[in-house]
Amino acid sequence: MTNLLRFWIFLLISGAVFAAAEPRTVLFYGDSLSAGYGLEDPAGLSFPGLIQAKITEASLPYRVVNAGLSGETTAGGLRRIDWILRQQVDVFILELGGNDGLRGLPVATSRGNLVAIIERVRAKNPSVKILLAGMQMPTSMGPDYTVAFAAMFPEIAEQQKVTLIPFLLEDVGGMPSMNLPDGIHPNPEGHRRVAETVWTYLKPLL
């Protein structure tokens, strides 16, 4: 074997090892819930930060990118998705719609925006794995709107063939002990519970 051939074999092996070691990306795309609004340490105490801790503990080759933005709506998410997708995304967790609901925006509009986001993510990376976080509205929004809003998420998940987290705030929403004084955003304990809910659906995909 010539020295040149040995050199090329070394480069090929080194490149393969480097590629294998390069972590894949789990991206949380959401609003103030993902952003960890009101927490003393949003990066560490928010549920995306806690998911990163679980990934690290499990020695899985993934890194978490938290693209949560407080106040974000589905329309805002659609406007900035192309900028976010300048990076490689392997697992995309879509957590938007809550602000639409609290503002009473038309469910059909929110549905169209969520579907458009999913389609753009897939267009950029057809092999991406997508989780859609379901949300519910308080009864004060009216029964018709509340039912239609809650039904939007499973309908999209079935249509788009994505994994559904039925209710992101399971065992957290409406519980004072799990939320900040505003009654909307989870406190640290609430984020720990949300992280457990998300991990149930995310871990099998990693």
Protein backbone atom coordinates (compact mmCIF):
# COMPACT_ATOMS: atom_id res chain seq x y z
CA MET A 1 0.00 0.00 0.00
CA THR A 2 1.45 3.34 -1.04
CA ASN A 3 1.78 6.26 1.35
CA LEU A 4 -0.71 8.26 -0.76
CA LEU A 5 -3.30 5.50 -0.52
CA ARG A 6 -2.80 5.29 3.24
CA PHE A 7 -3.29 9.05 3.46
CA TRP A 8 -6.60 8.95 1.59
CA ILE A 9 -7.87 6.06 3.71
CA PHE A 10 -6.96 8.03 6.82
CA LEU A 11 -8.91 11.05 5.56
CA LEU A 12 -11.96 8.92 4.77
CA ILE A 13 -11.95 7.26 8.18
CA SER A 14 -11.37 10.54 9.98
CA GLY A 15 -14.22 12.17 8.09
CA ALA A 16 -16.59 9.32 8.93
CA VAL A 17 -15.71 9.51 12.61
CA PHE A 18 -16.20 13.28 12.64
CA ALA A 19 -19.57 12.97 10.90
CA ALA A 20 -20.69 10.30 13.37
CA ALA A 21 -19.69 12.50 16.30
CA GLU A 22 -21.47 15.59 15.01
CA PRO A 23 -24.66 15.97 17.08
CA ARG A 24 -28.04 16.22 15.43
CA THR A 25 -30.40 19.07 16.21
CA VAL A 26 -33.69 19.04 18.12
CA LEU A 27 -35.35 22.42 17.58
CA PHE A 28 -38.16 23.78 19.75
CA TYR A 29 -40.17 26.31 17.77
CA GLY A 30 -42.65 28.00 20.03
CA ASP A 31 -43.81 30.93 22.09
CA SER A 32 -43.33 32.04 25.71
CA LEU A 33 -43.88 28.49 26.96
CA SER A 34 -40.80 27.22 25.13
CA ALA A 35 -38.93 30.45 25.87
CA GLY A 36 -39.35 29.91 29.62
CA TYR A 37 -41.10 33.21 30.27
CA GLY A 38 -40.82 34.36 33.89
CA LEU A 39 -38.15 31.85 34.91
CA GLU A 40 -34.99 32.97 36.69
CA ASP A 41 -32.90 30.79 34.36
CA PRO A 42 -34.88 30.19 31.13
CA ALA A 43 -32.04 28.30 29.44
CA GLY A 44 -31.77 25.76 32.22
CA LEU A 45 -35.24 25.66 33.80
CA SER A 46 -37.49 25.78 30.72
CA PHE A 47 -38.71 22.45 29.42
CA PRO A 48 -36.43 22.59 26.33
CA GLY A 49 -33.46 23.06 28.67
CA LEU A 50 -34.63 20.13 30.78
CA ILE A 51 -34.98 18.03 27.63
CA GLN A 52 -31.34 18.81 26.81
CA ALA A 53 -30.40 17.52 30.27
CA LYS A 54 -32.31 14.29 29.60
CA ILE A 55 -30.61 13.88 26.21
CA THR A 56 -27.19 14.41 27.78
CA GLU A 57 -27.95 11.96 30.58
CA ALA A 58 -29.02 9.35 28.03
CA SER A 59 -25.83 9.96 25.98
CA LEU A 60 -27.84 10.59 22.83
CA PRO A 61 -26.15 12.44 19.93
CA TYR A 62 -28.49 15.43 19.89
CA ARG A 63 -28.32 19.09 20.88
CA VAL A 64 -31.33 21.24 21.68
CA VAL A 65 -31.90 24.60 20.04
CA ASN A 66 -34.58 26.69 21.73
CA ALA A 67 -36.23 29.00 19.19
CA GLY A 68 -39.10 29.96 21.48
CA LEU A 69 -40.16 33.61 21.28
CA SER A 70 -42.51 35.19 23.81
CA GLY A 71 -45.69 36.53 22.25
CA GLU A 72 -45.26 34.52 19.05
CA THR A 73 -48.32 33.61 17.01
CA THR A 74 -48.64 31.07 14.22
CA ALA A 75 -48.47 33.93 11.71
CA GLY A 76 -45.27 35.23 13.27
CA GLY A 77 -43.85 31.73 13.30
CA LEU A 78 -44.58 31.34 9.63
CA ARG A 79 -42.86 34.63 8.83
CA ARG A 80 -39.59 33.68 10.54
CA ILE A 81 -39.44 29.96 9.73
CA ASP A 82 -37.19 30.34 6.68
CA TRP A 83 -34.61 32.19 8.77
CA ILE A 84 -34.70 29.48 11.44
CA LEU A 85 -34.26 26.76 8.80
CA ARG A 86 -30.90 28.12 7.71
CA GLN A 87 -29.53 25.54 10.13
CA GLN A 88 -29.91 21.78 9.87
CA VAL A 89 -32.91 20.50 11.85
CA ASP A 90 -33.40 16.78 12.49
CA VAL A 91 -36.28 16.89 14.99
CA PHE A 92 -38.71 19.81 14.89
CA ILE A 93 -41.07 20.42 17.82
CA LEU A 94 -43.83 22.87 16.86
CA GLU A 95 -45.32 24.62 19.90
CA LEU A 96 -47.41 27.46 18.54
CA GLY A 97 -51.07 28.40 18.61
CA GLY A 98 -51.61 29.35 22.25
CA ASN A 99 -51.40 33.08 21.59
CA ASP A 100 -53.73 32.73 18.61
CA GLY A 101 -56.28 31.11 20.87
CA LEU A 102 -55.99 33.66 23.66
CA ARG A 103 -56.58 36.39 21.07
CA GLY A 104 -59.56 34.58 19.62
CA LEU A 105 -58.05 34.41 16.14
CA PRO A 106 -59.91 32.26 13.59
CA VAL A 107 -59.06 28.59 13.99
CA ALA A 108 -58.92 28.15 10.21
CA THR A 109 -56.20 30.81 10.00
CA SER A 110 -54.14 29.20 12.75
CA ARG A 111 -54.52 25.79 11.11
CA GLY A 112 -53.34 27.13 7.77
CA ASN A 113 -50.27 28.72 9.34
CA LEU A 114 -49.31 25.57 11.26
CA VAL A 115 -49.67 23.42 8.15
CA ALA A 116 -47.58 25.89 6.14
CA ILE A 117 -44.81 25.76 8.77
CA ILE A 118 -44.78 21.97 8.68
CA GLU A 119 -44.65 21.95 4.90
CA ARG A 120 -41.70 24.36 4.82
CA VAL A 121 -39.80 22.33 7.39
CA ARG A 122 -40.30 19.17 5.35
CA ALA A 123 -39.34 20.93 2.12
CA LYS A 124 -36.00 21.85 3.69
CA ASN A 125 -35.39 18.38 5.14
CA PRO A 126 -37.76 15.60 3.96
CA SER A 127 -36.40 13.18 6.60
CA VAL A 128 -37.10 15.52 9.55
CA LYS A 129 -39.13 14.16 12.45
CA ILE A 130 -41.89 16.52 13.58
CA LEU A 131 -43.79 16.72 16.85
CA LEU A 132 -46.84 18.95 17.17
CA ALA A 133 -47.70 20.17 20.66
CA GLY A 134 -51.44 20.27 21.25
CA MET A 135 -52.96 23.11 23.23
CA GLN A 136 -56.33 23.85 24.81
CA MET A 137 -58.13 27.08 25.62
CA PRO A 138 -59.94 28.04 28.84
CA THR A 139 -63.70 27.73 28.80
CA SER A 140 -63.95 31.52 28.97
CA MET A 141 -63.23 31.56 25.23
CA GLY A 142 -66.64 30.00 24.63
CA PRO A 143 -67.58 26.35 24.02
CA ASP A 144 -67.62 26.47 20.23
CA TYR A 145 -64.21 28.09 19.96
CA THR A 146 -62.71 25.90 22.69
CA VAL A 147 -63.82 22.69 20.99
CA ALA A 148 -62.71 23.79 17.52
CA PHE A 149 -59.34 24.98 18.78
CA ALA A 150 -58.57 21.74 20.66
CA ALA A 151 -59.62 19.64 17.65
CA MET A 152 -57.28 21.55 15.33
CA PHE A 153 -54.11 19.84 16.58
CA PRO A 154 -55.10 16.16 16.17
CA GLU A 155 -56.60 17.02 12.78
CA ILE A 156 -53.31 18.54 11.61
CA ALA A 157 -51.30 15.66 13.08
CA GLU A 158 -53.38 13.10 11.20
CA GLN A 159 -53.37 15.06 7.97
CA GLN A 160 -49.63 15.80 8.02
CA LYS A 161 -48.55 12.47 9.55
CA VAL A 162 -46.65 14.02 12.45
CA THR A 163 -46.36 12.90 16.07
CA LEU A 164 -48.90 14.59 18.34
CA ILE A 165 -48.35 15.59 21.95
CA PRO A 166 -52.07 15.67 22.81
CA PHE A 167 -51.84 18.44 25.42
CA LEU A 168 -48.53 20.11 26.19
CA LEU A 169 -49.73 21.41 29.57
CA GLU A 170 -51.11 18.08 30.81
CA ASP A 171 -51.31 18.18 34.64
CA VAL A 172 -50.04 21.79 34.51
CA GLY A 173 -52.68 23.98 32.86
CA GLY A 174 -55.12 25.47 35.36
CA MET A 175 -53.16 24.22 38.38
CA PRO A 176 -51.96 27.12 40.60
CA SER A 177 -49.15 25.06 42.12
CA MET A 178 -47.65 24.49 38.67
CA ASN A 179 -47.87 28.04 37.34
CA LEU A 180 -46.56 31.53 37.91
CA PRO A 181 -48.95 34.07 39.51
CA ASP A 182 -50.28 35.00 36.05
CA GLY A 183 -51.91 31.57 35.90
CA ILE A 184 -50.71 31.07 32.30
CA HIS A 185 -46.99 30.33 32.35
CA PRO A 186 -45.53 27.31 34.14
CA ASN A 187 -43.23 27.77 37.12
CA PRO A 188 -40.08 25.58 37.46
CA GLU A 189 -42.12 22.65 38.76
CA GLY A 190 -44.57 23.09 35.91
CA HIS A 191 -41.75 23.06 33.36
CA ARG A 192 -40.43 19.83 34.89
CA ARG A 193 -43.85 18.27 34.36
CA VAL A 194 -44.05 19.58 30.78
CA ALA A 195 -40.58 18.14 30.10
CA GLU A 196 -41.78 14.71 31.24
CA THR A 197 -44.77 14.96 28.90
CA VAL A 198 -42.62 15.99 25.94
CA TRP A 199 -39.98 13.33 26.69
CA THR A 200 -42.62 10.60 26.51
CA TYR A 201 -43.22 11.40 22.84
CA LEU A 202 -39.74 12.64 21.88
CA LYS A 203 -37.53 9.88 23.27
CA PRO A 204 -38.78 7.15 20.87
CA LEU A 205 -37.84 9.38 17.93
CA LEU A 206 -34.23 9.91 19.01
